[in-house]
Amino acid sequence: MRRTVRRRPAGAEAPPDGDGAGVRDPRGAPPAPVRRARESIGTVLSPGLESILARPRPTPFLALDPQVVRERHAALAAAFGDARILYAVKACPEPAVLRVLADAGAGFDVASQNEIALCLAAGADPASLQHGNPVRGPGAAARAAADGVRRFVTDSAEDVDALAAEVPGARVQVRLSVDDAGSATPFHGKFGALPGEAVALLRRAARLGLEPAGVTFHAGSQQTRPATYAEAVAVALRTAGRAGLRRPELDLGGGWPVTYRADVPGPGEFAAAVRAAVAGAVAAGHVDGADLLLEPGRAIAGPAGVLRATVLRVSRRPGIDHRRWVYLDVGRYQGLAETEGEAIGYPLRVPGRSGPDGPCVLAGPTCDGDDVIYRRTPVALPGDLAAGDVVDLLHAGAYTSSYASVGFNGFGPLDVVVAGTA
């Protein structure tokens, strides 16, 4: 369950200014401003989410509104025009989310046989699925193909050979390794081929009877810089052109950001940067054009969810920290894996409390010393906060329920409540 997340690069969701006392970094850095939790961005919730949260129920749980999923998909589709959207199932594989997206005509980025089964059960056309995980064991591609999947992503000669043996004639994209500056969770190193190797892989695929459709990349999770996508597009189309693809598929991957504690560019700004980069590649003669795809996960599911938790204890730790320690019944192992390294800073709200705010350390319930949610990230919660109060983590629809453990330290998986079914 534990994930290693590199520290947030410069410019990728720096905490905004606040109005409370400073919190001193334990390594001796100057105090950072405390952000008042009730002033966090995005505290206006959809009617579906409000209806779930209005009813008392055991915590922790994730409230999900499929209508928000539908709206987010529509916004991305409008911004990117003819681009094909493949929802990244790993972000939130709830059947209600998949059904809404299948009904809206979305495709799906899948990484395992279980994700394929979920999509098919939700009514997805097998032709709309793309197996995007290039780390496949023996027989995995053949099993996917038996369910109708004919599109695969690859990034190594070994995998190209396996695809040719297991799924003759399959349509493949080669994944490039690109710069991911501006992301909260960089992907560099684990996946992707350098441009020269990618050209060789596309040619190898053709020689072995596969259909080299194009190129793809991932610019890092919670990528906040449109310029990073533009730079990756330029590299990708130059690579495709070198391999002889005049109008390749260009899969822009995932990483599309969500507003957490700081504003991020909207879909239109990212789309404009991508279109300009494609036009530049065409003008330079690298390709004649490109058929665009993108794989949003967080950008579709994130704003559709609120994670509600209960305060277990508020403690003072004299001689250890001048701030209060607030322990919630949800933490790193119940769905907040993305707070490792404090990469994602969820906006917070405390319904029913209106007293003056003060600085806090926010921690989870388990006996693991790593189960501290925010120690460096500025958090300010009401001074009268007490055990039994509820705390909402906003924009938490992505990478929460899908990351939760099955019972670490005896704490069960994260319950999910879907609007319209509760």
Protein backbone atom coordinates (compact mmCIF):
# COMPACT_ATOMS: atom_id res chain seq x y z
CA MET A 1 0.00 0.00 0.00
CA ARG A 2 2.79 2.40 0.75
CA ARG A 3 3.78 4.58 -2.20
CA THR A 4 6.92 6.63 -2.65
CA VAL A 5 6.09 10.09 -3.97
CA ARG A 6 8.75 12.59 -4.91
CA ARG A 7 8.44 16.04 -3.41
CA ARG A 8 6.18 18.38 -5.32
CA PRO A 9 8.25 20.22 -7.95
CA ALA A 10 8.34 23.98 -8.07
CA GLY A 11 5.19 25.44 -9.53
CA ALA A 12 3.04 22.34 -8.99
CA GLU A 13 0.32 23.36 -6.55
CA ALA A 14 2.19 25.54 -4.08
CA PRO A 15 0.06 26.19 -0.97
CA PRO A 16 -1.79 29.51 -1.28
CA ASP A 17 -1.43 32.33 1.17
CA GLY A 18 -3.49 32.18 4.35
CA ASP A 19 -4.19 34.37 7.33
CA GLY A 20 -3.24 32.38 10.39
CA ALA A 21 -0.10 31.75 12.37
CA GLY A 22 2.86 30.21 10.58
CA VAL A 23 3.73 26.52 10.74
CA ARG A 24 7.43 25.86 11.03
CA ASP A 25 8.83 23.11 8.87
CA PRO A 26 10.47 20.51 11.18
CA ARG A 27 13.70 20.86 9.19
CA GLY A 28 14.03 24.50 10.23
CA ALA A 29 12.60 26.28 7.18
CA PRO A 30 10.72 29.57 7.74
CA PRO A 31 7.08 29.28 8.80
CA ALA A 32 4.60 28.64 6.01
CA PRO A 33 1.23 30.39 6.04
CA VAL A 34 -1.71 28.44 7.43
CA ARG A 35 -4.68 28.16 5.11
CA ARG A 36 -8.09 28.49 6.75
CA ALA A 37 -9.88 25.24 6.00
CA ARG A 38 -13.29 26.84 5.47
CA GLU A 39 -11.81 29.14 2.81
CA SER A 40 -10.58 26.23 0.71
CA ILE A 41 -11.39 26.27 -2.99
CA GLY A 42 -14.40 24.30 -4.15
CA THR A 43 -16.54 24.17 -1.00
CA VAL A 44 -19.80 24.46 -2.98
CA LEU A 45 -20.96 20.87 -3.46
CA SER A 46 -23.40 19.36 -5.92
CA PRO A 47 -26.96 18.65 -4.75
CA GLY A 48 -26.21 14.93 -4.98
CA LEU A 49 -23.24 15.18 -2.63
CA GLU A 50 -25.11 17.44 -0.23
CA SER A 51 -27.97 14.94 -0.08
CA ILE A 52 -25.60 12.15 0.93
CA LEU A 53 -23.81 14.24 3.53
CA ALA A 54 -27.09 15.46 5.05
CA ARG A 55 -27.86 11.99 6.40
CA PRO A 56 -25.89 10.64 9.37
CA ARG A 57 -24.00 7.45 8.59
CA PRO A 58 -20.90 5.67 9.92
CA THR A 59 -17.58 7.15 8.81
CA PRO A 60 -15.30 7.10 7.00
CA PHE A 61 -17.06 6.97 3.66
CA LEU A 62 -16.68 8.40 0.19
CA ALA A 63 -19.71 10.23 -1.20
CA LEU A 64 -19.85 10.09 -5.02
CA ASP A 65 -22.10 11.96 -7.45
CA PRO A 66 -22.21 10.43 -10.96
CA GLN A 67 -23.82 13.62 -12.28
CA VAL A 68 -20.57 15.48 -11.56
CA VAL A 69 -18.71 12.74 -13.46
CA ARG A 70 -21.01 13.33 -16.42
CA GLU A 71 -20.41 17.09 -16.30
CA ARG A 72 -16.63 16.74 -16.05
CA HIS A 73 -16.56 14.38 -19.02
CA ALA A 74 -18.66 16.81 -21.04
CA ALA A 75 -16.32 19.70 -20.18
CA LEU A 76 -13.25 17.79 -21.33
CA ALA A 77 -14.99 16.63 -24.49
CA ALA A 78 -15.99 20.21 -25.31
CA ALA A 79 -12.47 21.53 -24.72
CA PHE A 80 -10.69 18.88 -26.79
CA GLY A 81 -13.20 18.65 -29.63
CA ASP A 82 -12.72 15.48 -31.68
CA ALA A 83 -10.30 13.89 -29.21
CA ARG A 84 -11.34 10.48 -27.94
CA ILE A 85 -11.64 10.23 -24.16
CA LEU A 86 -10.50 7.02 -22.46
CA TYR A 87 -11.36 7.19 -18.76
CA ALA A 88 -8.58 5.85 -16.52
CA VAL A 89 -10.50 3.22 -14.57
CA LYS A 90 -7.93 3.04 -11.79
CA ALA A 91 -8.90 6.51 -10.57
CA CYS A 92 -12.34 5.38 -9.43
CA PRO A 93 -13.68 2.04 -10.66
CA GLU A 94 -17.15 2.37 -9.09
CA PRO A 95 -19.77 0.79 -11.37
CA ALA A 96 -21.98 3.91 -11.24
CA VAL A 97 -19.10 6.01 -12.56
CA LEU A 98 -18.34 3.53 -15.35
CA ARG A 99 -22.01 3.31 -16.38
CA VAL A 100 -22.35 7.08 -16.69
CA LEU A 101 -19.23 7.29 -18.82
CA ALA A 102 -20.18 4.35 -21.03
CA ASP A 103 -23.57 5.99 -21.62
CA ALA A 104 -21.76 9.22 -22.54
CA GLY A 105 -19.70 7.44 -25.18
CA ALA A 106 -16.38 7.42 -23.36
CA GLY A 107 -13.76 4.75 -23.86
CA PHE A 108 -11.70 3.25 -21.06
CA ASP A 109 -8.03 2.90 -20.18
CA VAL A 110 -7.71 -0.46 -18.41
CA ALA A 111 -4.75 -2.15 -16.77
CA SER A 112 -5.99 -5.58 -15.71
CA GLN A 113 -8.54 -8.28 -16.41
CA ASN A 114 -10.64 -7.14 -13.45
CA GLU A 115 -10.88 -3.62 -14.86
CA ILE A 116 -11.89 -5.05 -18.24
CA ALA A 117 -14.66 -7.06 -16.54
CA LEU A 118 -15.92 -3.97 -14.69
CA CYS A 119 -16.13 -1.95 -17.90
CA LEU A 120 -17.93 -4.69 -19.81
CA ALA A 121 -20.40 -5.12 -16.95
CA ALA A 122 -21.06 -1.37 -17.11
CA GLY A 123 -22.04 -1.67 -20.78
CA ALA A 124 -18.79 -0.59 -22.44
CA ASP A 125 -18.05 -1.71 -25.99
CA PRO A 126 -14.89 -3.89 -25.93
CA ALA A 127 -13.62 -1.85 -28.89
CA SER A 128 -13.61 1.23 -26.63
CA LEU A 129 -11.09 -0.34 -24.23
CA GLN A 130 -7.34 0.19 -24.42
CA HIS A 131 -4.97 -1.91 -22.32
CA GLY A 132 -2.61 0.81 -21.17
CA ASN A 133 -0.41 -1.10 -18.73
CA PRO A 134 2.78 -2.17 -20.56
CA VAL A 135 3.76 -4.43 -17.64
CA ARG A 136 1.82 -7.56 -18.56
CA GLY A 137 2.49 -11.10 -17.46
CA PRO A 138 2.42 -14.10 -19.77
CA GLY A 139 -1.05 -14.63 -21.23
CA ALA A 140 -2.47 -11.30 -20.03
CA ALA A 141 -2.77 -9.83 -23.52
CA ALA A 142 -4.39 -13.01 -24.84
CA ARG A 143 -6.96 -12.96 -22.02
CA ALA A 144 -7.75 -9.32 -22.77
CA ALA A 145 -8.11 -10.11 -26.46
CA ALA A 146 -10.50 -12.96 -25.63
CA ASP A 147 -12.78 -10.29 -24.13
CA GLY A 148 -12.57 -8.20 -27.29
CA VAL A 149 -9.71 -5.82 -26.42
CA ARG A 150 -7.54 -5.12 -29.47
CA ARG A 151 -5.70 -1.95 -28.45
CA PHE A 152 -2.53 -2.09 -26.36
CA VAL A 153 0.21 0.24 -25.11
CA THR A 154 3.78 -1.01 -25.08
CA ASP A 155 7.23 0.37 -24.21
CA SER A 156 9.72 -2.49 -24.55
CA ALA A 157 10.95 -4.97 -27.12
CA GLU A 158 10.03 -7.81 -24.79
CA ASP A 159 6.43 -6.67 -24.61
CA VAL A 160 6.19 -6.08 -28.37
CA ASP A 161 7.31 -9.66 -28.92
CA ALA A 162 4.73 -10.94 -26.41
CA LEU A 163 1.94 -8.95 -28.06
CA ALA A 164 2.88 -10.28 -31.48
CA ALA A 165 2.72 -13.83 -30.15
CA GLU A 166 -0.47 -13.47 -28.10
CA VAL A 167 -2.53 -10.94 -30.08
CA PRO A 168 -1.46 -11.05 -33.74
CA GLY A 169 -2.49 -7.93 -35.63
CA ALA A 170 -3.30 -5.92 -32.50
CA ARG A 171 -3.24 -2.13 -32.65
CA VAL A 172 -0.41 -0.72 -30.52
CA GLN A 173 0.88 2.59 -29.29
CA VAL A 174 4.43 3.03 -28.01
CA ARG A 175 4.74 4.95 -24.77
CA LEU A 176 7.43 7.63 -24.61
CA SER A 177 9.34 8.82 -21.58
CA VAL A 178 8.84 12.60 -21.40
CA ASP A 179 9.63 15.47 -19.07
CA ASP A 180 7.03 15.63 -16.27
CA ALA A 181 8.01 18.92 -14.61
CA GLY A 182 4.99 20.48 -12.94
CA SER A 183 3.40 17.27 -11.70
CA ALA A 184 2.67 16.25 -8.11
CA THR A 185 3.66 12.63 -8.76
CA PRO A 186 6.27 12.23 -11.52
CA PHE A 187 6.31 8.99 -13.51
CA HIS A 188 9.83 9.19 -14.92
CA GLY A 189 11.75 5.94 -15.08
CA LYS A 190 9.16 3.22 -14.54
CA PHE A 191 7.48 3.50 -17.93
CA GLY A 192 8.26 4.81 -21.38
CA ALA A 193 10.95 4.55 -24.05
CA LEU A 194 13.32 7.27 -25.19
CA PRO A 195 12.56 8.63 -28.68
CA GLY A 196 15.18 6.58 -30.55
CA GLU A 197 14.06 3.38 -28.88
CA ALA A 198 10.41 4.26 -29.50
CA VAL A 199 11.10 4.54 -33.24
CA ALA A 200 12.72 1.12 -33.15
CA LEU A 201 9.74 -0.33 -31.25
CA LEU A 202 7.22 1.04 -33.76
CA ARG A 203 9.22 -0.49 -36.61
CA ARG A 204 9.60 -3.77 -34.72
CA ALA A 205 5.84 -3.91 -34.16
CA ALA A 206 5.22 -3.48 -37.88
CA ARG A 207 7.72 -6.20 -38.78
CA LEU A 208 6.03 -8.62 -36.38
CA GLY A 209 2.57 -8.08 -37.85
CA LEU A 210 1.19 -5.67 -35.27
CA GLU A 211 -0.42 -2.39 -36.31
CA PRO A 212 1.70 0.55 -35.07
CA ALA A 213 -1.05 3.11 -34.46
CA GLY A 214 0.93 5.88 -32.79
CA VAL A 215 2.55 7.15 -29.63
CA THR A 216 1.52 8.00 -26.10
CA PHE A 217 3.04 9.52 -22.96
CA HIS A 218 2.19 10.43 -19.38
CA ALA A 219 3.16 13.90 -18.18
CA GLY A 220 2.90 13.00 -14.47
CA SER A 221 -0.07 12.96 -12.14
CA GLN A 222 -1.74 16.29 -11.25
CA GLN A 223 0.18 18.01 -14.01
CA THR A 224 -0.39 21.76 -13.74
CA ARG A 225 1.71 23.06 -16.68
CA PRO A 226 0.11 23.17 -20.16
CA ALA A 227 3.62 23.78 -21.52
CA THR A 228 4.70 20.33 -20.31
CA TYR A 229 2.01 18.71 -22.46
CA ALA A 230 2.97 20.92 -25.41
CA GLU A 231 6.62 19.94 -25.13
CA ALA A 232 5.70 16.25 -24.89
CA VAL A 233 3.45 16.53 -27.96
CA ALA A 234 6.31 18.00 -29.97
CA VAL A 235 8.62 15.13 -28.98
CA ALA A 236 5.95 12.50 -29.58
CA LEU A 237 4.99 13.69 -33.07
CA ARG A 238 8.61 14.08 -34.14
CA THR A 239 9.16 10.50 -32.98
CA ALA A 240 6.09 9.21 -34.82
CA GLY A 241 7.21 10.95 -37.99
CA ARG A 242 10.65 9.37 -37.77
CA ALA A 243 8.94 5.99 -37.63
CA GLY A 244 7.03 6.76 -40.82
CA LEU A 245 3.63 7.49 -39.30
CA ARG A 246 2.17 10.44 -41.18
CA ARG A 247 -1.07 10.70 -39.21
CA PRO A 248 -0.50 8.84 -35.96
CA GLU A 249 -2.71 8.40 -32.98
CA LEU A 250 -1.41 10.72 -30.28
CA ASP A 251 -2.55 9.61 -26.85
CA LEU A 252 -1.96 12.47 -24.42
CA GLY A 253 -2.23 10.15 -21.43
CA GLY A 254 -3.46 11.20 -18.02
CA GLY A 255 -2.32 13.63 -15.37
CA TRP A 256 -4.97 16.30 -16.06
CA PRO A 257 -5.27 18.32 -12.85
CA VAL A 258 -7.96 19.16 -10.33
CA THR A 259 -8.23 22.32 -8.26
CA TYR A 260 -7.35 21.34 -4.71
CA ARG A 261 -5.84 24.19 -2.69
CA ALA A 262 -4.68 26.31 -5.60
CA ASP A 263 -6.16 27.22 -8.95
CA VAL A 264 -5.03 25.18 -11.95
CA PRO A 265 -5.47 25.89 -15.67
CA GLY A 266 -8.77 24.73 -17.10
CA PRO A 267 -9.25 22.15 -19.88
CA GLY A 268 -9.41 24.87 -22.53
CA GLU A 269 -5.92 26.12 -21.71
CA PHE A 270 -4.46 22.62 -21.92
CA ALA A 271 -6.33 21.94 -25.17
CA ALA A 272 -5.03 25.16 -26.71
CA ALA A 273 -1.46 24.25 -25.82
CA VAL A 274 -1.86 20.80 -27.33
CA ARG A 275 -3.43 22.12 -30.53
CA ALA A 276 -0.64 24.66 -30.97
CA ALA A 277 1.99 21.93 -30.53
CA VAL A 278 0.26 19.69 -33.08
CA ALA A 279 0.09 22.59 -35.54
CA GLY A 280 3.79 23.23 -34.99
CA ALA A 281 4.65 19.60 -35.74
CA VAL A 282 2.58 19.71 -38.92
CA ALA A 283 4.19 23.00 -40.02
CA ALA A 284 7.63 21.48 -39.41
CA GLY A 285 6.76 18.55 -41.66
CA HIS A 286 7.06 15.88 -38.97
CA VAL A 287 3.49 14.60 -39.53
CA ASP A 288 0.45 15.50 -41.61
CA GLY A 289 -1.81 15.55 -38.56
CA ALA A 290 -2.72 13.54 -35.47
CA ASP A 291 -5.76 11.78 -34.05
CA LEU A 292 -5.93 12.76 -30.38
CA LEU A 293 -6.84 10.62 -27.39
CA LEU A 294 -6.60 11.44 -23.69
CA GLU A 295 -6.90 9.39 -20.51
CA PRO A 296 -8.35 11.52 -17.71
CA GLY A 297 -9.01 9.90 -14.37
CA ARG A 298 -8.55 12.46 -11.60
CA ALA A 299 -9.97 15.28 -13.75
CA ILE A 300 -13.25 13.38 -14.15
CA ALA A 301 -13.69 11.60 -10.83
CA GLY A 302 -11.88 13.91 -8.37
CA PRO A 303 -14.49 16.68 -8.05
CA ALA A 304 -17.28 14.07 -7.90
CA GLY A 305 -16.36 12.89 -4.42
CA VAL A 306 -16.19 13.99 -0.79
CA LEU A 307 -14.49 11.85 1.83
CA ARG A 308 -16.18 12.30 5.19
CA ALA A 309 -14.22 11.43 8.32
CA THR A 310 -14.75 11.73 12.07
CA VAL A 311 -12.31 13.22 14.57
CA LEU A 312 -11.10 10.52 16.97
CA ARG A 313 -8.96 12.71 19.19
CA VAL A 314 -7.55 16.23 19.44
CA SER A 315 -4.30 16.18 21.42
CA ARG A 316 -1.60 18.55 22.54
CA ARG A 317 1.96 17.21 22.28
CA PRO A 318 4.03 19.43 24.62
CA GLY A 319 7.67 19.54 23.69
CA ILE A 320 7.01 17.78 20.38
CA ASP A 321 4.91 20.22 18.36
CA HIS A 322 3.25 23.53 19.22
CA ARG A 323 0.26 22.62 17.05
CA ARG A 324 -2.70 20.45 17.94
CA TRP A 325 -2.65 16.92 16.59
CA VAL A 326 -5.98 15.98 15.05
CA TYR A 327 -6.51 12.25 14.51
CA LEU A 328 -9.16 11.17 11.99
CA ASP A 329 -10.75 7.78 11.43
CA VAL A 330 -9.34 7.79 7.91
CA GLY A 331 -5.70 7.98 6.88
CA ARG A 332 -3.01 6.73 4.55
CA TYR A 333 -4.35 3.18 4.49
CA GLN A 334 -8.07 3.90 4.24
CA GLY A 335 -7.89 5.87 1.00
CA LEU A 336 -5.49 8.78 1.48
CA ALA A 337 -2.46 7.18 -0.16
CA GLU A 338 -1.92 10.29 -2.26
CA THR A 339 -1.06 12.26 0.86
CA GLU A 340 2.23 10.35 1.09
CA GLY A 341 4.89 12.96 0.64
CA GLU A 342 1.95 15.38 1.03
CA ALA A 343 1.69 15.35 -2.77
CA ILE A 344 -2.04 16.08 -2.82
CA GLY A 345 -3.49 18.68 -0.45
CA TYR A 346 -7.22 18.13 -0.19
CA PRO A 347 -9.35 21.16 0.71
CA LEU A 348 -11.02 20.66 4.09
CA ARG A 349 -14.24 21.79 5.69
CA VAL A 350 -15.72 21.24 9.16
CA PRO A 351 -19.51 21.37 9.09
CA GLY A 352 -21.05 22.72 12.28
CA ARG A 353 -17.98 24.54 13.62
CA SER A 354 -17.42 28.27 13.21
CA GLY A 355 -14.84 29.20 15.83
CA PRO A 356 -11.46 30.81 15.07
CA ASP A 357 -9.01 28.53 13.29
CA GLY A 358 -5.64 27.38 14.53
CA PRO A 359 -2.78 25.32 13.10
CA CYS A 360 -2.94 21.52 13.21
CA VAL A 361 -1.14 18.36 12.26
CA LEU A 362 -3.59 15.94 10.65
CA ALA A 363 -3.04 12.21 11.22
CA GLY A 364 -4.74 8.91 10.51
CA PRO A 365 -5.96 6.27 12.97
CA THR A 366 -3.47 3.43 12.56
CA CYS A 367 -0.44 2.47 14.62
CA ASP A 368 1.87 3.14 11.66
CA GLY A 369 4.19 6.10 12.23
CA ASP A 370 3.92 7.00 8.54
CA ASP A 371 0.16 7.47 8.87
CA VAL A 372 0.41 11.25 9.17
CA ILE A 373 -1.66 13.02 6.54
CA TYR A 374 -0.34 16.60 6.74
CA ARG A 375 2.64 17.67 8.82
CA ARG A 376 4.20 20.22 6.43
CA THR A 377 1.12 21.20 4.46
CA PRO A 378 -0.54 24.15 6.22
CA VAL A 379 -3.79 23.07 7.90
CA ALA A 380 -5.99 25.31 10.02
CA LEU A 381 -9.05 23.89 11.79
CA PRO A 382 -11.48 25.44 14.30
CA GLY A 383 -10.08 25.89 17.78
CA ASP A 384 -13.15 24.24 19.31
CA LEU A 385 -12.77 21.11 17.19
CA ALA A 386 -13.45 18.02 19.33
CA ALA A 387 -13.65 14.25 19.12
CA GLY A 388 -16.81 13.22 17.31
CA ASP A 389 -16.83 16.17 14.89
CA VAL A 390 -16.91 15.42 11.18
CA VAL A 391 -14.31 16.67 8.70
CA ASP A 392 -14.85 16.63 4.94
CA LEU A 393 -12.01 16.20 2.45
CA LEU A 394 -13.17 17.72 -0.82
CA HIS A 395 -12.41 16.74 -4.43
CA ALA A 396 -11.57 13.27 -3.13
CA GLY A 397 -13.36 11.16 -5.73
CA ALA A 398 -10.18 9.93 -7.42
CA TYR A 399 -7.55 7.58 -6.00
CA THR A 400 -9.24 7.12 -2.62
CA SER A 401 -11.58 4.12 -2.67
CA SER A 402 -9.32 2.42 -5.23
CA TYR A 403 -6.25 2.88 -3.00
CA ALA A 404 -7.81 1.83 0.30
CA SER A 405 -6.42 -1.31 1.93
CA VAL A 406 -8.63 -4.28 2.71
CA GLY A 407 -8.08 -3.98 6.45
CA PHE A 408 -4.67 -2.74 7.60
CA ASN A 409 -4.53 -2.57 11.41
CA GLY A 410 -8.13 -3.82 11.49
CA PHE A 411 -9.61 -0.75 9.82
CA GLY A 412 -11.90 -1.85 7.01
CA PRO A 413 -12.04 -0.74 3.38
CA LEU A 414 -13.51 2.65 2.55
CA ASP A 415 -17.27 2.57 2.09
CA VAL A 416 -18.67 4.30 -1.01
CA VAL A 417 -22.12 5.92 -1.10
CA VAL A 418 -23.45 6.92 -4.52
CA ALA A 419 -25.91 9.76 -4.99
CA GLY A 420 -29.32 8.52 -6.01
CA THR A 421 -28.83 5.13 -4.37
CA ALA A 422 -28.46 6.13 -0.72
